[in-house]
N, C-alpha and C. Protein backbone atom coordinates (compact mmCIF):
# COMPACT_ATOMS: atom_id res chain seq x y z
N MET A 1 81.44 87.85 84.27
CA MET A 1 82.50 87.39 85.14
C MET A 1 83.82 87.39 84.37
N THR A 2 84.87 87.97 84.95
CA THR A 2 86.17 88.00 84.29
C THR A 2 87.06 86.92 84.87
N ASP A 3 87.92 86.41 84.04
CA ASP A 3 88.88 85.40 84.49
C ASP A 3 90.01 86.08 85.22
N THR A 4 90.43 85.47 86.32
CA THR A 4 91.59 85.95 87.06
C THR A 4 92.84 85.43 86.36
N PRO A 5 93.81 86.31 86.06
CA PRO A 5 95.02 85.83 85.41
C PRO A 5 95.74 84.79 86.27
N THR A 6 96.29 83.79 85.62
CA THR A 6 97.04 82.76 86.32
C THR A 6 98.49 83.22 86.47
N LEU A 7 98.99 83.21 87.70
CA LEU A 7 100.37 83.59 87.98
C LEU A 7 101.17 82.33 88.25
N VAL A 8 102.29 82.21 87.54
CA VAL A 8 103.19 81.08 87.71
C VAL A 8 104.57 81.64 88.04
N ILE A 9 105.18 81.10 89.08
CA ILE A 9 106.58 81.41 89.39
C ILE A 9 107.38 80.22 88.89
N ARG A 10 108.37 80.49 88.04
CA ARG A 10 109.15 79.40 87.44
C ARG A 10 110.58 79.85 87.22
N ALA A 11 111.44 78.88 86.95
CA ALA A 11 112.82 79.19 86.60
C ALA A 11 112.85 79.90 85.25
N ALA A 12 113.73 80.86 85.12
CA ALA A 12 113.89 81.58 83.85
C ALA A 12 114.50 80.66 82.81
N THR A 13 114.20 80.95 81.55
CA THR A 13 114.79 80.23 80.42
C THR A 13 115.50 81.23 79.52
N LEU A 14 116.30 80.73 78.61
CA LEU A 14 117.00 81.60 77.67
C LEU A 14 116.04 82.45 76.86
N GLU A 15 114.87 81.91 76.55
CA GLU A 15 113.87 82.63 75.76
C GLU A 15 113.32 83.85 76.51
N ASP A 16 113.52 83.91 77.82
CA ASP A 16 113.02 85.02 78.62
C ASP A 16 113.90 86.26 78.54
N GLY A 17 115.04 86.17 77.87
CA GLY A 17 116.00 87.27 77.83
C GLY A 17 115.41 88.63 77.49
N PRO A 18 114.68 88.79 76.40
CA PRO A 18 114.12 90.11 76.07
C PRO A 18 113.17 90.64 77.15
N ALA A 19 112.31 89.80 77.68
CA ALA A 19 111.37 90.25 78.72
C ALA A 19 112.13 90.59 80.01
N LEU A 20 113.15 89.81 80.33
CA LEU A 20 113.98 90.12 81.50
C LEU A 20 114.66 91.46 81.32
N GLY A 21 115.14 91.72 80.12
CA GLY A 21 115.78 93.00 79.83
C GLY A 21 114.81 94.16 80.00
N ARG A 22 113.58 93.99 79.56
CA ARG A 22 112.55 95.03 79.71
C ARG A 22 112.30 95.32 81.19
N LEU A 23 112.18 94.27 81.98
CA LEU A 23 111.95 94.43 83.41
C LEU A 23 113.18 95.03 84.10
N ALA A 24 114.37 94.59 83.70
CA ALA A 24 115.60 95.12 84.30
C ALA A 24 115.75 96.61 84.00
N ARG A 25 115.35 97.02 82.80
CA ARG A 25 115.40 98.45 82.48
C ARG A 25 114.49 99.23 83.44
N MET A 26 113.33 98.66 83.77
CA MET A 26 112.44 99.29 84.75
C MET A 26 113.13 99.42 86.10
N LEU A 27 113.85 98.38 86.50
CA LEU A 27 114.58 98.39 87.77
C LEU A 27 115.60 99.52 87.80
N VAL A 28 116.36 99.65 86.72
CA VAL A 28 117.36 100.71 86.62
C VAL A 28 116.67 102.07 86.66
N GLN A 29 115.58 102.22 85.92
CA GLN A 29 114.88 103.51 85.86
C GLN A 29 114.31 103.91 87.22
N VAL A 30 113.69 102.97 87.92
CA VAL A 30 113.09 103.33 89.20
C VAL A 30 114.16 103.76 90.20
N HIS A 31 115.32 103.11 90.17
CA HIS A 31 116.40 103.52 91.07
C HIS A 31 116.95 104.89 90.67
N HIS A 32 117.11 105.11 89.38
CA HIS A 32 117.57 106.42 88.91
C HIS A 32 116.59 107.51 89.34
N ASP A 33 115.30 107.20 89.26
CA ASP A 33 114.28 108.17 89.68
C ASP A 33 114.38 108.46 91.18
N PHE A 34 114.77 107.48 91.97
CA PHE A 34 114.94 107.69 93.42
C PHE A 34 116.07 108.68 93.70
N ASP A 35 117.20 108.54 92.96
CA ASP A 35 118.37 109.37 93.22
C ASP A 35 119.26 109.35 91.99
N ALA A 36 119.08 110.34 91.15
CA ALA A 36 119.79 110.39 89.87
C ALA A 36 121.30 110.58 90.03
N GLU A 37 121.74 111.08 91.16
CA GLU A 37 123.17 111.24 91.37
C GLU A 37 123.83 109.94 91.81
N ARG A 38 123.08 109.04 92.40
CA ARG A 38 123.63 107.78 92.91
C ARG A 38 123.48 106.64 91.91
N PHE A 39 122.32 106.54 91.28
CA PHE A 39 122.01 105.39 90.44
C PHE A 39 122.11 105.75 88.96
N ILE A 40 122.68 104.85 88.19
CA ILE A 40 122.84 105.09 86.76
C ILE A 40 121.49 105.20 86.07
N ALA A 41 121.48 105.94 84.97
CA ALA A 41 120.29 106.05 84.14
C ALA A 41 120.30 104.92 83.12
N PRO A 42 119.13 104.43 82.76
CA PRO A 42 119.13 103.42 81.70
C PRO A 42 119.59 104.06 80.39
N GLY A 43 120.39 103.34 79.67
CA GLY A 43 120.88 103.82 78.39
C GLY A 43 120.33 102.99 77.26
N PRO A 44 120.80 103.26 76.04
CA PRO A 44 120.27 102.55 74.88
C PRO A 44 120.54 101.05 74.90
N GLN A 45 121.57 100.61 75.63
CA GLN A 45 121.91 99.19 75.68
C GLN A 45 121.46 98.49 76.96
N THR A 46 120.82 99.23 77.86
CA THR A 46 120.47 98.66 79.17
C THR A 46 119.62 97.41 79.03
N GLU A 47 118.56 97.50 78.26
CA GLU A 47 117.62 96.39 78.15
C GLU A 47 118.29 95.15 77.60
N GLN A 48 118.99 95.30 76.48
CA GLN A 48 119.63 94.15 75.86
C GLN A 48 120.77 93.62 76.72
N GLY A 49 121.59 94.52 77.25
CA GLY A 49 122.74 94.10 78.04
C GLY A 49 122.35 93.43 79.34
N TYR A 50 121.39 94.01 80.05
CA TYR A 50 120.96 93.44 81.33
C TYR A 50 120.26 92.10 81.09
N GLY A 51 119.43 92.04 80.07
CA GLY A 51 118.77 90.77 79.73
C GLY A 51 119.78 89.69 79.41
N ARG A 52 120.80 90.05 78.64
CA ARG A 52 121.86 89.09 78.30
C ARG A 52 122.59 88.63 79.55
N PHE A 53 122.90 89.59 80.45
CA PHE A 53 123.58 89.23 81.69
C PHE A 53 122.73 88.25 82.50
N LEU A 54 121.45 88.56 82.67
CA LEU A 54 120.61 87.70 83.49
C LEU A 54 120.53 86.28 82.93
N VAL A 55 120.29 86.13 81.65
CA VAL A 55 120.21 84.76 81.11
C VAL A 55 121.56 84.06 81.14
N SER A 56 122.66 84.82 81.19
CA SER A 56 123.98 84.18 81.31
C SER A 56 124.15 83.51 82.67
N ARG A 57 123.31 83.86 83.64
CA ARG A 57 123.39 83.30 84.99
C ARG A 57 122.57 82.02 85.13
N ILE A 58 121.75 81.68 84.16
CA ILE A 58 120.83 80.55 84.27
C ILE A 58 121.56 79.24 84.58
N ASP A 59 122.65 78.98 83.91
CA ASP A 59 123.36 77.71 84.10
C ASP A 59 124.40 77.76 85.21
N ASN A 60 124.50 78.88 85.91
CA ASN A 60 125.44 79.00 87.01
C ASN A 60 124.81 78.36 88.25
N ALA A 61 125.46 77.36 88.80
CA ALA A 61 124.89 76.60 89.93
C ALA A 61 124.66 77.47 91.16
N GLU A 62 125.39 78.56 91.30
CA GLU A 62 125.25 79.43 92.47
C GLU A 62 124.14 80.46 92.29
N SER A 63 123.70 80.68 91.07
CA SER A 63 122.71 81.72 90.79
C SER A 63 121.29 81.19 90.85
N LEU A 64 120.38 82.12 91.06
CA LEU A 64 118.95 81.82 91.10
C LEU A 64 118.25 82.90 90.29
N LEU A 65 117.48 82.49 89.30
CA LEU A 65 116.73 83.43 88.48
C LEU A 65 115.34 82.88 88.25
N LEU A 66 114.38 83.49 88.93
CA LEU A 66 112.99 83.07 88.84
C LEU A 66 112.17 84.19 88.21
N VAL A 67 111.15 83.80 87.47
CA VAL A 67 110.28 84.78 86.85
C VAL A 67 108.84 84.56 87.30
N ALA A 68 108.07 85.63 87.27
CA ALA A 68 106.63 85.57 87.49
C ALA A 68 105.99 85.76 86.12
N GLU A 69 105.19 84.80 85.73
CA GLU A 69 104.53 84.83 84.43
C GLU A 69 103.02 84.82 84.63
N SER A 70 102.35 85.74 83.98
CA SER A 70 100.90 85.83 84.06
C SER A 70 100.32 85.74 82.66
N ASP A 71 99.60 84.69 82.41
CA ASP A 71 98.98 84.48 81.10
C ASP A 71 99.95 84.70 79.95
N GLY A 72 101.15 84.12 80.08
CA GLY A 72 102.14 84.15 79.02
C GLY A 72 103.03 85.37 78.98
N THR A 73 102.84 86.31 79.91
CA THR A 73 103.65 87.53 79.94
C THR A 73 104.47 87.57 81.21
N LEU A 74 105.77 87.84 81.07
CA LEU A 74 106.60 88.00 82.27
C LEU A 74 106.26 89.33 82.92
N VAL A 75 105.92 89.27 84.21
CA VAL A 75 105.54 90.48 84.93
C VAL A 75 106.51 90.80 86.07
N GLY A 76 107.51 89.95 86.27
CA GLY A 76 108.48 90.21 87.32
C GLY A 76 109.56 89.14 87.34
N TYR A 77 110.63 89.43 88.07
CA TYR A 77 111.68 88.44 88.27
C TYR A 77 112.40 88.72 89.57
N VAL A 78 113.09 87.69 90.05
CA VAL A 78 114.00 87.83 91.18
C VAL A 78 115.30 87.13 90.79
N TYR A 79 116.40 87.83 91.03
CA TYR A 79 117.73 87.29 90.75
C TYR A 79 118.51 87.28 92.06
N GLY A 80 119.07 86.13 92.37
CA GLY A 80 119.87 86.00 93.58
C GLY A 80 120.97 84.99 93.38
N ALA A 81 121.71 84.73 94.44
CA ALA A 81 122.82 83.79 94.36
C ALA A 81 123.21 83.31 95.74
N MET A 82 123.84 82.17 95.78
CA MET A 82 124.51 81.70 96.98
C MET A 82 125.93 82.26 96.91
N GLU A 83 126.35 82.89 97.99
CA GLU A 83 127.69 83.48 98.01
C GLU A 83 128.42 83.05 99.27
N GLY A 84 129.74 82.96 99.14
CA GLY A 84 130.58 82.62 100.28
C GLY A 84 130.81 83.84 101.16
N PRO A 85 131.74 83.71 102.09
CA PRO A 85 132.03 84.85 102.97
C PRO A 85 132.43 86.08 102.16
N ASP A 86 132.00 87.23 102.65
CA ASP A 86 132.34 88.50 102.02
C ASP A 86 132.91 89.40 103.11
N TYR A 87 134.23 89.49 103.14
CA TYR A 87 134.89 90.23 104.20
C TYR A 87 134.65 91.74 104.11
N MET A 88 134.42 92.25 102.91
CA MET A 88 134.13 93.67 102.78
C MET A 88 132.73 93.99 103.32
N ALA A 89 131.82 93.04 103.23
CA ALA A 89 130.47 93.23 103.77
C ALA A 89 130.36 92.72 105.21
N LEU A 90 131.46 92.15 105.73
CA LEU A 90 131.50 91.64 107.10
C LEU A 90 130.44 90.58 107.36
N ARG A 91 130.30 89.65 106.40
CA ARG A 91 129.30 88.60 106.58
C ARG A 91 129.84 87.26 106.11
N GLY A 92 129.26 86.23 106.68
CA GLY A 92 129.59 84.87 106.28
C GLY A 92 128.80 84.47 105.05
N PRO A 93 128.83 83.18 104.75
CA PRO A 93 128.07 82.69 103.59
C PRO A 93 126.60 83.07 103.71
N ALA A 94 126.00 83.36 102.56
CA ALA A 94 124.60 83.80 102.56
C ALA A 94 123.98 83.63 101.19
N GLY A 95 122.68 83.58 101.18
CA GLY A 95 121.94 83.79 99.96
C GLY A 95 121.80 85.30 99.81
N VAL A 96 121.95 85.78 98.60
CA VAL A 96 121.85 87.22 98.35
C VAL A 96 120.80 87.45 97.27
N VAL A 97 119.83 88.30 97.59
CA VAL A 97 118.86 88.72 96.58
C VAL A 97 119.40 90.01 95.98
N HIS A 98 119.78 89.94 94.71
CA HIS A 98 120.36 91.10 94.03
C HIS A 98 119.28 91.99 93.39
N ASP A 99 118.30 91.38 92.76
CA ASP A 99 117.25 92.12 92.06
C ASP A 99 115.90 91.49 92.37
N ILE A 100 114.91 92.33 92.53
CA ILE A 100 113.52 91.88 92.50
C ILE A 100 112.72 93.04 91.92
N ILE A 101 111.97 92.75 90.89
CA ILE A 101 111.20 93.79 90.21
C ILE A 101 109.89 93.19 89.71
N VAL A 102 108.84 93.97 89.84
CA VAL A 102 107.54 93.61 89.29
C VAL A 102 107.10 94.80 88.44
N ASP A 103 106.59 94.51 87.26
CA ASP A 103 106.07 95.55 86.39
C ASP A 103 105.12 96.43 87.20
N PRO A 104 105.30 97.76 87.16
CA PRO A 104 104.45 98.65 87.96
C PRO A 104 102.95 98.43 87.73
N GLU A 105 102.57 98.03 86.56
CA GLU A 105 101.16 97.79 86.27
C GLU A 105 100.63 96.52 86.92
N ARG A 106 101.54 95.69 87.47
CA ARG A 106 101.15 94.41 88.07
C ARG A 106 101.51 94.30 89.54
N ARG A 107 101.81 95.42 90.19
CA ARG A 107 102.30 95.38 91.56
C ARG A 107 101.26 95.05 92.60
N GLU A 108 100.03 95.20 92.31
CA GLU A 108 98.99 94.80 93.26
C GLU A 108 98.76 93.31 93.07
N GLY A 109 98.44 92.62 94.13
CA GLY A 109 98.12 91.20 94.00
C GLY A 109 99.17 90.26 94.52
N GLY A 110 100.23 90.77 95.11
CA GLY A 110 101.19 89.91 95.77
C GLY A 110 102.24 89.26 94.89
N VAL A 111 102.44 89.76 93.68
CA VAL A 111 103.44 89.16 92.79
C VAL A 111 104.83 89.25 93.42
N GLY A 112 105.19 90.42 93.95
CA GLY A 112 106.51 90.58 94.57
C GLY A 112 106.71 89.63 95.73
N ARG A 113 105.69 89.49 96.57
CA ARG A 113 105.80 88.58 97.73
C ARG A 113 105.96 87.14 97.27
N LYS A 114 105.25 86.76 96.22
CA LYS A 114 105.36 85.38 95.71
C LYS A 114 106.75 85.13 95.14
N LEU A 115 107.29 86.10 94.43
CA LEU A 115 108.66 85.97 93.93
C LEU A 115 109.66 85.87 95.08
N LEU A 116 109.51 86.75 96.06
CA LEU A 116 110.42 86.75 97.20
C LEU A 116 110.33 85.43 97.97
N ASP A 117 109.12 84.97 98.24
CA ASP A 117 108.95 83.70 98.96
C ASP A 117 109.57 82.54 98.20
N ALA A 118 109.40 82.51 96.88
CA ALA A 118 109.99 81.44 96.08
C ALA A 118 111.51 81.49 96.13
N ALA A 119 112.07 82.70 96.09
CA ALA A 119 113.52 82.85 96.18
C ALA A 119 114.03 82.41 97.55
N LEU A 120 113.33 82.81 98.61
CA LEU A 120 113.75 82.43 99.96
C LEU A 120 113.70 80.91 100.13
N THR A 121 112.68 80.28 99.60
CA THR A 121 112.57 78.82 99.66
C THR A 121 113.71 78.16 98.90
N ALA A 122 113.98 78.64 97.68
CA ALA A 122 115.05 78.05 96.87
C ALA A 122 116.42 78.24 97.52
N LEU A 123 116.67 79.41 98.09
CA LEU A 123 117.95 79.65 98.76
C LEU A 123 118.08 78.80 100.02
N ALA A 124 117.01 78.63 100.76
CA ALA A 124 117.03 77.76 101.95
C ALA A 124 117.32 76.31 101.53
N GLU A 125 116.71 75.87 100.44
CA GLU A 125 116.95 74.50 99.95
C GLU A 125 118.40 74.31 99.54
N ARG A 126 119.07 75.39 99.16
CA ARG A 126 120.49 75.34 98.79
C ARG A 126 121.40 75.49 100.00
N GLY A 127 120.81 75.64 101.17
CA GLY A 127 121.59 75.70 102.39
C GLY A 127 121.96 77.08 102.88
N ALA A 128 121.30 78.12 102.38
CA ALA A 128 121.63 79.47 102.82
C ALA A 128 121.34 79.62 104.31
N PRO A 129 122.35 79.99 105.11
CA PRO A 129 122.10 80.18 106.54
C PRO A 129 121.37 81.49 106.83
N ARG A 130 121.39 82.40 105.88
CA ARG A 130 120.69 83.69 105.98
C ARG A 130 120.56 84.22 104.56
N VAL A 131 119.67 85.20 104.39
CA VAL A 131 119.53 85.87 103.10
C VAL A 131 119.65 87.36 103.36
N VAL A 132 120.46 88.02 102.54
CA VAL A 132 120.65 89.46 102.65
C VAL A 132 120.26 90.11 101.33
N LEU A 133 119.92 91.39 101.42
CA LEU A 133 119.60 92.16 100.23
C LEU A 133 119.80 93.63 100.53
N HIS A 134 119.84 94.42 99.48
CA HIS A 134 119.91 95.87 99.61
C HIS A 134 118.65 96.46 98.99
N THR A 135 118.21 97.58 99.52
CA THR A 135 117.07 98.27 98.95
C THR A 135 117.35 99.77 98.99
N ALA A 136 116.88 100.47 97.99
CA ALA A 136 117.07 101.92 97.95
C ALA A 136 116.40 102.54 99.17
N ALA A 137 117.05 103.53 99.75
CA ALA A 137 116.53 104.19 100.95
C ALA A 137 115.14 104.76 100.72
N LYS A 138 114.86 105.22 99.52
CA LYS A 138 113.55 105.82 99.22
C LYS A 138 112.50 104.79 98.80
N ASN A 139 112.88 103.53 98.69
CA ASN A 139 111.95 102.51 98.22
C ASN A 139 111.19 101.90 99.41
N VAL A 140 110.32 102.70 100.00
CA VAL A 140 109.61 102.26 101.20
C VAL A 140 108.64 101.11 100.92
N THR A 141 108.12 101.04 99.72
CA THR A 141 107.23 99.93 99.37
C THR A 141 107.98 98.61 99.45
N ALA A 142 109.17 98.57 98.86
CA ALA A 142 109.99 97.35 98.92
C ALA A 142 110.41 97.05 100.35
N GLN A 143 110.74 98.09 101.10
CA GLN A 143 111.15 97.87 102.49
C GLN A 143 110.02 97.23 103.29
N ARG A 144 108.79 97.66 103.06
CA ARG A 144 107.64 97.05 103.75
C ARG A 144 107.50 95.58 103.37
N LEU A 145 107.68 95.28 102.09
CA LEU A 145 107.63 93.89 101.63
C LEU A 145 108.69 93.06 102.34
N PHE A 146 109.91 93.57 102.37
CA PHE A 146 111.01 92.81 102.98
C PHE A 146 110.81 92.63 104.49
N GLU A 147 110.37 93.67 105.17
CA GLU A 147 110.11 93.57 106.61
C GLU A 147 108.98 92.56 106.89
N ALA A 148 107.95 92.56 106.04
CA ALA A 148 106.85 91.61 106.21
C ALA A 148 107.33 90.18 106.01
N ALA A 149 108.40 90.00 105.25
CA ALA A 149 108.96 88.67 105.01
C ALA A 149 110.01 88.30 106.06
N GLY A 150 110.22 89.16 107.06
CA GLY A 150 111.14 88.84 108.15
C GLY A 150 112.52 89.47 108.07
N PHE A 151 112.77 90.32 107.08
CA PHE A 151 114.06 91.00 106.99
C PHE A 151 114.11 92.13 108.01
N ARG A 152 115.32 92.45 108.46
CA ARG A 152 115.53 93.57 109.36
C ARG A 152 116.65 94.43 108.79
N PRO A 153 116.61 95.73 109.03
CA PRO A 153 117.69 96.60 108.55
C PRO A 153 118.99 96.28 109.30
N THR A 154 120.09 96.21 108.54
CA THR A 154 121.38 95.94 109.17
C THR A 154 122.49 96.88 108.70
N MET A 155 122.35 97.47 107.57
CA MET A 155 123.39 98.37 107.03
C MET A 155 122.72 99.58 106.40
N ILE A 156 123.42 100.69 106.38
CA ILE A 156 122.97 101.89 105.68
C ILE A 156 124.10 102.32 104.77
N GLU A 157 123.83 102.39 103.47
CA GLU A 157 124.80 102.91 102.52
C GLU A 157 124.69 104.43 102.53
N MET A 158 125.84 105.07 102.48
CA MET A 158 125.85 106.54 102.38
C MET A 158 126.70 106.90 101.19
N THR A 159 126.28 107.92 100.48
CA THR A 159 126.98 108.35 99.26
C THR A 159 127.38 109.81 99.41
N ARG A 160 128.58 110.11 98.97
CA ARG A 160 129.04 111.51 98.90
C ARG A 160 129.61 111.71 97.52
N ASP A 161 129.09 112.69 96.82
CA ASP A 161 129.58 112.98 95.49
C ASP A 161 130.85 113.82 95.59
N ALA A 162 131.76 113.64 94.64
CA ALA A 162 132.99 114.42 94.62
C ALA A 162 132.66 115.89 94.36
N GLY A 163 133.49 116.75 94.92
CA GLY A 163 133.34 118.17 94.61
C GLY A 163 132.65 118.92 95.60
């Protein structure tokens, strides 16, 4: 009989910076793989820089940074924030999910859904009247997750390269 790994969703800590950077690099890479002309490629500083950015948000009262930890290893995170009206996005105050990523080797088992549910709960507790997010057009797996959680499509980003 094998032990089932214990999954814990918790607030990120400063010590999580390197693992967050590793996961964030995966996020950048998967988007670049979807559309290399639209999304930046991870560079030599992506992991360290993104990890540093994420932990810099920990003490920000408007930000939300939760991690999924399985047997001492970070396997995913969700980063979001409470934001005021955004006239360029034509929306009022909202909770915004900016990033959600689960290590590809750990994507089975509902880790992403648990992270998303925890973020939605935390944003609701902060008074978010709605939660918005963006997802890559080719990321149908994420779109299914979001639709199953009650999200509906509302905007389509279109890109045109110069030349």
